[in-house]
Amino acid sequence: MSVFVLDASVAAAWLLEQQASPRADLALARLEEEAALVPQLWHLEVRNCLLVATRRARLTAGVAAQRLEALRDLPIRTDTTPDLAVALTLAERHRLSFYDAIYLELAKRRAAPIATLDKALAQAAAAQGLALVCERR
């Protein structure tokens, strides 16, 4: 099964109606045939997204828990071996946060396309010769 790297901005668009995006829907559709690969950081970012949404009364805690459970049913695999030195170099080269560079490092290391709604990360991925999932094929 082929894989693509999934960043938290896309997952946030799935989880929160206010952030819904047709481009994120394209990534979700690809999960019917492919698996997503995420760094460990992704799990923290997704949970923080839901926590902030509940604090701002955009979701109840119960709905947040249901949406988190729905993510568990998707073919999402976690990579646990980032190359932190490469990520730092990528962050510096492309003026990314270290967090975004972790996703870029994973996509580069696995030679995998990346699903992101983050403009700077998408530009950096393109500069690295990586395909973007959130564009129509």
Protein backbone atom coordinates (compact mmCIF):
# COMPACT_ATOMS: atom_id res chain seq x y z
CA MET A 1 0.00 0.00 0.00
CA SER A 2 1.39 3.40 -0.92
CA VAL A 3 1.53 6.17 1.65
CA PHE A 4 1.40 9.93 1.89
CA VAL A 5 2.38 12.22 4.73
CA LEU A 6 -0.57 13.85 6.48
CA ASP A 7 -0.16 17.06 8.43
CA ALA A 8 -2.37 18.31 11.24
CA SER A 9 -3.88 21.16 9.20
CA VAL A 10 -5.66 18.61 7.02
CA ALA A 11 -6.89 16.61 10.02
CA ALA A 12 -8.15 19.85 11.60
CA ALA A 13 -10.19 20.50 8.47
CA TRP A 14 -11.78 17.06 8.86
CA LEU A 15 -12.50 17.58 12.55
CA LEU A 16 -13.81 21.15 12.64
CA GLU A 17 -16.59 22.37 10.37
CA GLN A 18 -15.18 25.91 10.55
CA GLN A 19 -12.00 24.69 8.87
CA ALA A 20 -13.59 22.39 6.28
CA SER A 21 -11.78 22.41 2.95
CA PRO A 22 -12.37 20.69 -0.39
CA ARG A 23 -8.60 20.20 -0.58
CA ALA A 24 -8.65 18.32 2.73
CA ASP A 25 -11.49 16.20 1.38
CA LEU A 26 -9.19 15.10 -1.45
CA ALA A 27 -6.73 13.74 1.11
CA LEU A 28 -9.51 11.95 2.97
CA ALA A 29 -10.65 10.31 -0.27
CA ARG A 30 -7.13 9.02 -0.89
CA LEU A 31 -7.30 7.09 2.39
CA GLU A 32 -9.66 4.69 0.64
CA GLU A 33 -6.68 3.36 -1.34
CA GLU A 34 -3.61 4.61 0.54
CA ALA A 35 -2.36 4.93 4.09
CA ALA A 36 -1.31 8.17 5.71
CA LEU A 37 1.99 8.48 7.52
CA VAL A 38 2.35 10.95 10.38
CA PRO A 39 5.09 11.92 12.81
CA GLN A 40 4.39 11.46 16.52
CA LEU A 41 3.91 15.22 16.71
CA TRP A 42 0.71 14.89 14.66
CA HIS A 43 -1.09 13.15 17.52
CA LEU A 44 -0.28 16.04 19.85
CA GLU A 45 -1.34 18.68 17.34
CA VAL A 46 -4.64 16.95 16.60
CA ARG A 47 -5.49 16.62 20.27
CA ASN A 48 -4.54 20.24 20.90
CA CYS A 49 -6.78 21.31 18.03
CA LEU A 50 -9.71 19.50 19.64
CA LEU A 51 -8.85 20.85 23.09
CA VAL A 52 -8.79 24.44 21.83
CA ALA A 53 -12.09 23.89 20.01
CA THR A 54 -13.74 22.62 23.19
CA ARG A 55 -12.35 25.54 25.21
CA ARG A 56 -13.79 27.96 22.67
CA ALA A 57 -17.13 26.13 22.82
CA ARG A 58 -16.94 25.08 19.17
CA LEU A 59 -17.27 21.43 20.23
CA THR A 60 -18.36 19.61 23.32
CA ALA A 61 -15.89 17.25 24.95
CA GLY A 62 -18.11 14.36 23.89
CA VAL A 63 -18.09 15.37 20.23
CA ALA A 64 -14.32 15.91 20.36
CA ALA A 65 -13.89 12.38 21.75
CA GLN A 66 -16.12 10.96 18.98
CA ARG A 67 -14.12 12.71 16.29
CA LEU A 68 -10.86 11.51 17.76
CA GLU A 69 -12.26 7.97 17.78
CA ALA A 70 -13.25 8.34 14.11
CA LEU A 71 -9.64 9.21 13.26
CA ARG A 72 -8.54 5.94 14.85
CA ASP A 73 -10.54 4.07 12.21
CA LEU A 74 -8.52 5.59 9.37
CA PRO A 75 -5.36 3.97 7.96
CA ILE A 76 -2.93 6.36 9.65
CA ARG A 77 0.51 5.04 10.61
CA THR A 78 2.94 6.75 12.95
CA ASP A 79 6.61 7.18 12.10
CA THR A 80 8.86 7.23 15.14
CA THR A 81 12.28 7.79 13.59
CA PRO A 82 12.63 11.44 12.53
CA ASP A 83 16.03 12.74 11.55
CA LEU A 84 16.09 15.84 13.73
CA ALA A 85 19.25 17.23 12.16
CA VAL A 86 17.73 17.06 8.69
CA ALA A 87 14.51 18.61 10.01
CA LEU A 88 16.46 21.52 11.47
CA THR A 89 18.28 22.06 8.19
CA LEU A 90 14.96 22.03 6.32
CA ALA A 91 13.43 24.46 8.82
CA GLU A 92 16.31 26.87 8.33
CA ARG A 93 16.42 26.49 4.55
CA HIS A 94 12.68 27.04 4.05
CA ARG A 95 12.00 29.32 7.03
CA LEU A 96 9.57 26.81 8.53
CA SER A 97 8.74 26.12 12.13
CA PHE A 98 10.55 23.06 13.42
CA TYR A 99 7.13 21.39 13.72
CA ASP A 100 6.40 21.86 10.01
CA ALA A 101 9.91 20.77 9.13
CA ILE A 102 9.26 17.44 10.89
CA TYR A 103 6.49 16.74 8.35
CA LEU A 104 8.73 17.82 5.48
CA GLU A 105 11.60 15.64 6.72
CA LEU A 106 9.27 12.63 6.88
CA ALA A 107 7.94 13.22 3.37
CA LYS A 108 11.44 13.69 2.00
CA ARG A 109 12.85 10.63 3.79
CA ARG A 110 10.00 8.43 2.56
CA ALA A 111 9.85 10.10 -0.88
CA ALA A 112 6.13 10.47 -0.24
CA PRO A 113 3.65 13.13 -1.27
CA ILE A 114 2.42 15.41 1.49
CA ALA A 115 -1.09 16.53 2.40
CA THR A 116 -1.05 20.00 3.93
CA LEU A 117 -3.14 23.14 3.91
CA ASP A 118 -0.20 25.18 5.22
CA LYS A 119 1.04 27.46 2.43
CA ALA A 120 4.65 27.67 3.63
CA LEU A 121 4.91 23.90 4.08
CA ALA A 122 3.37 23.31 0.64
CA GLN A 123 5.89 25.70 -0.94
CA ALA A 124 8.77 24.01 0.86
CA ALA A 125 7.55 20.58 -0.24
CA ALA A 126 7.35 21.75 -3.85
CA ALA A 127 10.86 23.21 -3.57
CA GLN A 128 12.03 19.78 -2.37
CA GLY A 129 10.40 18.14 -5.41
CA LEU A 130 7.62 16.52 -3.40
CA ALA A 131 4.08 16.12 -4.71
CA LEU A 132 1.16 17.69 -2.89
CA VAL A 133 -1.80 15.46 -2.09
CA CYS A 134 -4.24 18.33 -1.70
CA GLU A 135 -4.24 19.10 -5.39
CA ARG A 136 -6.44 17.40 -7.91
CA ARG A 137 -4.71 14.56 -9.71
